Amino acid sequence: MSKRVPSSPGDRDLNAKATEALAKARKMRPGPERTEALKKAEKLRQTANTYNYLFSSELKRPD
């Protein structure tokens, strides 16, 4: 079974996107739009963490 590799590293830089989304959300004025932006930034961070785990060298298939 071959190891899956992301198609393009630049396209998969979810950590940078999550950091940028969080920074933009923090600059917004308090209100419902900011709350939603913070929630989306957190979801993006969780997605980045999951993606990094799935493609890490620590994750090995069962023998």
PDB file of N, CA and C in Angstrom:
ATOM      1  N   MET A   1       0.845  -1.180   0.000  1.00  0.00           N
ATOM      2  CA  MET A   1       0.000   0.000   0.000  1.00  0.00           C
ATOM      3  C   MET A   1       0.885   1.236   0.000  1.00  0.00           C
ATOM      4  N   SER A   2       0.654   2.132  -0.920  1.00  0.00           N
ATOM      5  CA  SER A   2       1.491   3.324  -1.028  1.00  0.00           C
ATOM      6  C   SER A   2       1.016   4.411  -0.067  1.00  0.00           C
ATOM      7  N   LYS A   3       1.967   5.237   0.341  1.00  0.00           N
ATOM      8  CA  LYS A   3       1.658   6.338   1.236  1.00  0.00           C
ATOM      9  C   LYS A   3       0.997   7.463   0.452  1.00  0.00           C
ATOM     10  N   ARG A   4      -0.082   8.003   1.005  1.00  0.00           N
ATOM     11  CA  ARG A   4      -0.756   9.112   0.337  1.00  0.00           C
ATOM     12  C   ARG A   4       0.047  10.385   0.533  1.00  0.00           C
ATOM     13  N   VAL A   5       0.168  11.151  -0.517  1.00  0.00           N
ATOM     14  CA  VAL A   5       0.911  12.404  -0.480  1.00  0.00           C
ATOM     15  C   VAL A   5      -0.009  13.500  -0.986  1.00  0.00           C
ATOM     16  N   PRO A   6      -0.029  14.649  -0.306  1.00  0.00           N
ATOM     17  CA  PRO A   6      -0.877  15.747  -0.774  1.00  0.00           C
ATOM     18  C   PRO A   6      -0.508  16.151  -2.198  1.00  0.00           C
ATOM     19  N   SER A   7      -1.512  16.575  -2.945  1.00  0.00           N
ATOM     20  CA  SER A   7      -1.284  16.921  -4.341  1.00  0.00           C
ATOM     21  C   SER A   7      -0.358  18.122  -4.495  1.00  0.00           C
ATOM     22  N   SER A   8      -0.539  19.144  -3.699  1.00  0.00           N
ATOM     23  CA  SER A   8       0.359  20.293  -3.748  1.00  0.00           C
ATOM     24  C   SER A   8       0.486  20.892  -2.353  1.00  0.00           C
ATOM     25  N   PRO A   9       1.696  20.933  -1.831  1.00  0.00           N
ATOM     26  CA  PRO A   9       1.895  21.439  -0.467  1.00  0.00           C
ATOM     27  C   PRO A   9       1.378  22.859  -0.271  1.00  0.00           C
ATOM     28  N   GLY A  10       1.526  23.722  -1.248  1.00  0.00           N
ATOM     29  CA  GLY A  10       1.047  25.095  -1.106  1.00  0.00           C
ATOM     30  C   GLY A  10      -0.457  25.164  -0.962  1.00  0.00           C
ATOM     31  N   ASP A  11      -1.148  24.259  -1.634  1.00  0.00           N
ATOM     32  CA  ASP A  11      -2.604  24.225  -1.575  1.00  0.00           C
ATOM     33  C   ASP A  11      -3.095  23.647  -0.255  1.00  0.00           C
ATOM     34  N   ARG A  12      -2.238  22.890   0.411  1.00  0.00           N
ATOM     35  CA  ARG A  12      -2.632  22.193   1.636  1.00  0.00           C
ATOM     36  C   ARG A  12      -2.109  22.841   2.908  1.00  0.00           C
ATOM     37  N   ASP A  13      -1.682  24.072   2.828  1.00  0.00           N
ATOM     38  CA  ASP A  13      -1.123  24.728   3.998  1.00  0.00           C
ATOM     39  C   ASP A  13      -2.244  25.246   4.893  1.00  0.00           C
ATOM     40  N   LEU A  14      -2.905  24.321   5.527  1.00  0.00           N
ATOM     41  CA  LEU A  14      -4.062  24.653   6.349  1.00  0.00           C
ATOM     42  C   LEU A  14      -3.679  25.393   7.627  1.00  0.00           C
ATOM     43  N   ASN A  15      -2.493  25.127   8.153  1.00  0.00           N
ATOM     44  CA  ASN A  15      -2.062  25.844   9.360  1.00  0.00           C
ATOM     45  C   ASN A  15      -1.980  27.340   9.102  1.00  0.00           C
ATOM     46  N   ALA A  16      -1.416  27.718   7.986  1.00  0.00           N
ATOM     47  CA  ALA A  16      -1.307  29.135   7.654  1.00  0.00           C
ATOM     48  C   ALA A  16      -2.691  29.752   7.441  1.00  0.00           C
ATOM     49  N   LYS A  17      -3.561  29.014   6.778  1.00  0.00           N
ATOM     50  CA  LYS A  17      -4.925  29.521   6.551  1.00  0.00           C
ATOM     51  C   LYS A  17      -5.673  29.682   7.871  1.00  0.00           C
ATOM     52  N   ALA A  18      -5.492  28.741   8.785  1.00  0.00           N
ATOM     53  CA  ALA A  18      -6.159  28.814  10.088  1.00  0.00           C
ATOM     54  C   ALA A  18      -5.641  30.002  10.889  1.00  0.00           C
ATOM     55  N   THR A  19      -4.336  30.213  10.861  1.00  0.00           N
ATOM     56  CA  THR A  19      -3.738  31.336  11.582  1.00  0.00           C
ATOM     57  C   THR A  19      -4.228  32.663  11.013  1.00  0.00           C
ATOM     58  N   GLU A  20      -4.281  32.740   9.699  1.00  0.00           N
ATOM     59  CA  GLU A  20      -4.753  33.962   9.040  1.00  0.00           C
ATOM     60  C   GLU A  20      -6.230  34.227   9.353  1.00  0.00           C
ATOM     61  N   ALA A  21      -7.039  33.181   9.321  1.00  0.00           N
ATOM     62  CA  ALA A  21      -8.467  33.337   9.617  1.00  0.00           C
ATOM     63  C   ALA A  21      -8.678  33.793  11.055  1.00  0.00           C
ATOM     64  N   LEU A  22      -7.889  33.250  11.975  1.00  0.00           N
ATOM     65  CA  LEU A  22      -8.006  33.644  13.372  1.00  0.00           C
ATOM     66  C   LEU A  22      -7.589  35.098  13.570  1.00  0.00           C
ATOM     67  N   ALA A  23      -6.529  35.510  12.920  1.00  0.00           N
ATOM     68  CA  ALA A  23      -6.067  36.896  13.030  1.00  0.00           C
ATOM     69  C   ALA A  23      -7.123  37.867  12.492  1.00  0.00           C
ATOM     70  N   LYS A  24      -7.719  37.524  11.364  1.00  0.00           N
ATOM     71  CA  LYS A  24      -8.766  38.385  10.790  1.00  0.00           C
ATOM     72  C   LYS A  24      -9.984  38.449  11.706  1.00  0.00           C
ATOM     73  N   ALA A  25     -10.354  37.318  12.276  1.00  0.00           N
ATOM     74  CA  ALA A  25     -11.522  37.280  13.162  1.00  0.00           C
ATOM     75  C   ALA A  25     -11.290  38.108  14.418  1.00  0.00           C
ATOM     76  N   ARG A  26     -10.082  38.058  14.941  1.00  0.00           N
ATOM     77  CA  ARG A  26      -9.773  38.828  16.156  1.00  0.00           C
ATOM     78  C   ARG A  26      -9.792  40.329  15.915  1.00  0.00           C
ATOM     79  N   LYS A  27      -9.563  40.762  14.681  1.00  0.00           N
ATOM     80  CA  LYS A  27      -9.564  42.187  14.361  1.00  0.00           C
ATOM     81  C   LYS A  27     -10.973  42.738  14.156  1.00  0.00           C
ATOM     82  N   MET A  28     -11.947  41.862  14.015  1.00  0.00           N
ATOM     83  CA  MET A  28     -13.324  42.294  13.774  1.00  0.00           C
ATOM     84  C   MET A  28     -13.930  42.870  15.046  1.00  0.00           C
ATOM     85  N   ARG A  29     -14.952  43.691  14.852  1.00  0.00           N
ATOM     86  CA  ARG A  29     -15.692  44.226  15.988  1.00  0.00           C
ATOM     87  C   ARG A  29     -16.527  43.121  16.618  1.00  0.00           C
ATOM     88  N   PRO A  30     -16.747  43.208  17.938  1.00  0.00           N
ATOM     89  CA  PRO A  30     -17.595  42.205  18.588  1.00  0.00           C
ATOM     90  C   PRO A  30     -18.989  42.166  17.961  1.00  0.00           C
ATOM     91  N   GLY A  31     -19.510  40.973  17.841  1.00  0.00           N
ATOM     92  CA  GLY A  31     -20.829  40.788  17.255  1.00  0.00           C
ATOM     93  C   GLY A  31     -20.961  39.406  16.658  1.00  0.00           C
ATOM     94  N   PRO A  32     -22.108  39.130  16.050  1.00  0.00           N
ATOM     95  CA  PRO A  32     -22.355  37.798  15.513  1.00  0.00           C
ATOM     96  C   PRO A  32     -21.418  37.411  14.366  1.00  0.00           C
ATOM     97  N   GLU A  33     -20.997  38.393  13.554  1.00  0.00           N
ATOM     98  CA  GLU A  33     -20.079  38.076  12.450  1.00  0.00           C
ATOM     99  C   GLU A  33     -18.723  37.622  12.987  1.00  0.00           C
ATOM    100  N   ARG A  34     -18.263  38.293  14.042  1.00  0.00           N
ATOM    101  CA  ARG A  34     -16.985  37.922  14.655  1.00  0.00           C
ATOM    102  C   ARG A  34     -17.088  36.543  15.295  1.00  0.00           C
ATOM    103  N   THR A  35     -18.188  36.280  15.959  1.00  0.00           N
ATOM    104  CA  THR A  35     -18.376  34.974  16.594  1.00  0.00           C
ATOM    105  C   THR A  35     -18.329  33.861  15.555  1.00  0.00           C
ATOM    106  N   GLU A  36     -19.005  34.062  14.440  1.00  0.00           N
ATOM    107  CA  GLU A  36     -18.994  33.061  13.372  1.00  0.00           C
ATOM    108  C   GLU A  36     -17.601  32.911  12.762  1.00  0.00           C
ATOM    109  N   ALA A  37     -16.907  34.017  12.596  1.00  0.00           N
ATOM    110  CA  ALA A  37     -15.552  33.968  12.037  1.00  0.00           C
ATOM    111  C   ALA A  37     -14.614  33.204  12.976  1.00  0.00           C
ATOM    112  N   LEU A  38     -14.754  33.412  14.281  1.00  0.00           N
ATOM    113  CA  LEU A  38     -13.933  32.676  15.248  1.00  0.00           C
ATOM    114  C   LEU A  38     -14.251  31.184  15.226  1.00  0.00           C
ATOM    115  N   LYS A  39     -15.517  30.844  15.080  1.00  0.00           N
ATOM    116  CA  LYS A  39     -15.908  29.429  15.005  1.00  0.00           C
ATOM    117  C   LYS A  39     -15.317  28.777  13.754  1.00  0.00           C
ATOM    118  N   LYS A  40     -15.380  29.485  12.637  1.00  0.00           N
ATOM    119  CA  LYS A  40     -14.823  28.946  11.385  1.00  0.00           C
ATOM    120  C   LYS A  40     -13.310  28.794  11.485  1.00  0.00           C
ATOM    121  N   ALA A  41     -12.646  29.746  12.125  1.00  0.00           N
ATOM    122  CA  ALA A  41     -11.199  29.660  12.296  1.00  0.00           C
ATOM    123  C   ALA A  41     -10.837  28.455  13.159  1.00  0.00           C
ATOM    124  N   GLU A  42     -11.614  28.188  14.189  1.00  0.00           N
ATOM    125  CA  GLU A  42     -11.361  27.033  15.049  1.00  0.00           C
ATOM    126  C   GLU A  42     -11.580  25.723  14.294  1.00  0.00           C
ATOM    127  N   LYS A  43     -12.610  25.671  13.475  1.00  0.00           N
ATOM    128  CA  LYS A  43     -12.854  24.470  12.668  1.00  0.00           C
ATOM    129  C   LYS A  43     -11.709  24.245  11.684  1.00  0.00           C
ATOM    130  N   LEU A  44     -11.207  25.328  11.112  1.00  0.00           N
ATOM    131  CA  LEU A  44     -10.082  25.219  10.186  1.00  0.00           C
ATOM    132  C   LEU A  44      -8.840  24.720  10.918  1.00  0.00           C
ATOM    133  N   ARG A  45      -8.621  25.187  12.136  1.00  0.00           N
ATOM    134  CA  ARG A  45      -7.485  24.720  12.944  1.00  0.00           C
ATOM    135  C   ARG A  45      -7.614  23.223  13.224  1.00  0.00           C
ATOM    136  N   GLN A  46      -8.819  22.776  13.583  1.00  0.00           N
ATOM    137  CA  GLN A  46      -9.046  21.351  13.840  1.00  0.00           C
ATOM    138  C   GLN A  46      -8.821  20.524  12.576  1.00  0.00           C
ATOM    139  N   THR A  47      -9.247  21.047  11.448  1.00  0.00           N
ATOM    140  CA  THR A  47      -9.029  20.367  10.173  1.00  0.00           C
ATOM    141  C   THR A  47      -7.534  20.256   9.880  1.00  0.00           C
ATOM    142  N   ALA A  48      -6.793  21.321  10.136  1.00  0.00           N
ATOM    143  CA  ALA A  48      -5.344  21.311   9.913  1.00  0.00           C
ATOM    144  C   ALA A  48      -4.670  20.274  10.807  1.00  0.00           C
ATOM    145  N   ASN A  49      -5.083  20.220  12.059  1.00  0.00           N
ATOM    146  CA  ASN A  49      -4.507  19.234  12.977  1.00  0.00           C
ATOM    147  C   ASN A  49      -4.801  17.811  12.521  1.00  0.00           C
ATOM    148  N   THR A  50      -6.017  17.555  12.090  1.00  0.00           N
ATOM    149  CA  THR A  50      -6.396  16.222  11.610  1.00  0.00           C
ATOM    150  C   THR A  50      -5.611  15.865  10.359  1.00  0.00           C
ATOM    151  N   TYR A  51      -5.508  16.798   9.432  1.00  0.00           N
ATOM    152  CA  TYR A  51      -4.773  16.568   8.194  1.00  0.00           C
ATOM    153  C   TYR A  51      -3.307  16.253   8.488  1.00  0.00           C
ATOM    154  N   ASN A  52      -2.711  17.047   9.373  1.00  0.00           N
ATOM    155  CA  ASN A  52      -1.310  16.817   9.720  1.00  0.00           C
ATOM    156  C   ASN A  52      -1.115  15.451  10.376  1.00  0.00           C
ATOM    157  N   TYR A  53      -2.049  15.038  11.198  1.00  0.00           N
ATOM    158  CA  TYR A  53      -1.954  13.722  11.830  1.00  0.00           C
ATOM    159  C   TYR A  53      -2.077  12.602  10.802  1.00  0.00           C
ATOM    160  N   LEU A  54      -3.035  12.715   9.918  1.00  0.00           N
ATOM    161  CA  LEU A  54      -3.256  11.655   8.935  1.00  0.00           C
ATOM    162  C   LEU A  54      -2.074  11.474   7.990  1.00  0.00           C
ATOM    163  N   PHE A  55      -1.366  12.551   7.682  1.00  0.00           N
ATOM    164  CA  PHE A  55      -0.234  12.459   6.769  1.00  0.00           C
ATOM    165  C   PHE A  55       1.108  12.471   7.492  1.00  0.00           C
ATOM    166  N   SER A  56       1.094  12.272   8.802  1.00  0.00           N
ATOM    167  CA  SER A  56       2.343  12.256   9.558  1.00  0.00           C
ATOM    168  C   SER A  56       3.038  10.909   9.424  1.00  0.00           C
ATOM    169  N   SER A  57       4.310  10.914   9.727  1.00  0.00           N
ATOM    170  CA  SER A  57       5.059   9.664   9.695  1.00  0.00           C
ATOM    171  C   SER A  57       4.779   8.824  10.936  1.00  0.00           C
ATOM    172  N   GLU A  58       4.172   9.420  11.957  1.00  0.00           N
ATOM    173  CA  GLU A  58       3.844   8.688  13.184  1.00  0.00           C
ATOM    174  C   GLU A  58       2.687   7.722  12.982  1.00  0.00           C
ATOM    175  N   LEU A  59       1.824   8.025  12.060  1.00  0.00           N
ATOM    176  CA  LEU A  59       0.661   7.176  11.808  1.00  0.00           C
ATOM    177  C   LEU A  59       1.082   6.014  10.935  1.00  0.00           C
ATOM    178  N   LYS A  60       0.932   4.816  11.466  1.00  0.00           N
ATOM    179  CA  LYS A  60       1.323   3.622  10.738  1.00  0.00           C
ATOM    180  C   LYS A  60       0.116   2.705  10.610  1.00  0.00           C
ATOM    181  N   ARG A  61       0.069   1.991   9.507  1.00  0.00           N
ATOM    182  CA  ARG A  61      -1.038   1.063   9.326  1.00  0.00           C
ATOM    183  C   ARG A  61      -0.835  -0.163  10.205  1.00  0.00           C
ATOM    184  N   PRO A  62      -1.916  -0.795  10.610  1.00  0.00           N
ATOM    185  CA  PRO A  62      -1.796  -1.981  11.455  1.00  0.00           C
ATOM    186  C   PRO A  62      -1.155  -3.127  10.692  1.00  0.00           C
ATOM    187  N   ASP A  63      -0.394  -3.930  11.401  1.00  0.00           N
ATOM    188  CA  ASP A  63       0.239  -5.101  10.771  1.00  0.00           C
ATOM    189  C   ASP A  63      -0.648  -6.314  10.822  1.00  0.00           C
TER     190      ASP A  63
END
